[in-house]
Amino acid sequence: MLSLLLHDKDALNLKPYQIEAIKAAEQAVIDGHEDAVKFIEG
């Protein structure tokens, strides 16, 4: 579902590098890297 939303040009209209950053952040959370969430939150 998330992948479809990320690639839908009528939805978020993200650049390829933005999609890759979101996927990397998502994987970091899945892998248990809590510090990645803190970095995203600011």
Protein backbone atom coordinates (compact mmCIF):
# COMPACT_ATOMS: atom_id res chain seq x y z
CA MET A 1 0.00 0.00 0.00
CA LEU A 2 2.72 2.48 0.96
CA SER A 3 4.63 1.68 -2.21
CA LEU A 4 1.59 2.46 -4.33
CA LEU A 5 1.09 5.78 -2.55
CA LEU A 6 4.74 6.75 -2.91
CA HIS A 7 4.75 6.13 -6.66
CA ASP A 8 1.34 7.64 -7.46
CA LYS A 9 2.03 10.93 -9.24
CA ASP A 10 -1.48 12.13 -8.40
CA ALA A 11 -0.95 11.59 -4.67
CA LEU A 12 2.33 12.85 -3.19
CA ASN A 13 4.27 13.50 -6.42
CA LEU A 14 7.59 12.64 -4.77
CA LYS A 15 10.99 12.71 -6.42
CA PRO A 16 12.87 9.39 -6.68
CA TYR A 17 15.36 10.44 -3.98
CA GLN A 18 12.49 11.27 -1.62
CA ILE A 19 10.95 7.84 -2.17
CA GLU A 20 14.29 6.18 -1.43
CA ALA A 21 14.70 8.22 1.77
CA ILE A 22 11.23 7.23 2.98
CA LYS A 23 11.91 3.56 2.21
CA ALA A 24 15.24 3.73 4.08
CA ALA A 25 13.60 5.33 7.11
CA GLU A 26 10.83 2.74 7.04
CA GLN A 27 13.38 -0.09 6.92
CA ALA A 28 15.35 1.45 9.77
CA VAL A 29 12.22 1.45 11.94
CA ILE A 30 11.45 -2.15 10.96
CA ASP A 31 15.02 -3.12 11.86
CA GLY A 32 14.62 -1.54 15.30
CA HIS A 33 16.79 1.54 14.87
CA GLU A 34 14.93 3.85 17.23
CA ASP A 35 17.49 6.61 16.68
CA ALA A 36 16.26 6.91 13.08
CA VAL A 37 12.82 7.91 14.34
CA LYS A 38 14.33 10.50 16.67
CA PHE A 39 16.33 11.94 13.77
CA ILE A 40 13.22 12.21 11.60
CA GLU A 41 11.24 13.87 14.40
CA GLY A 42 13.97 16.49 14.81
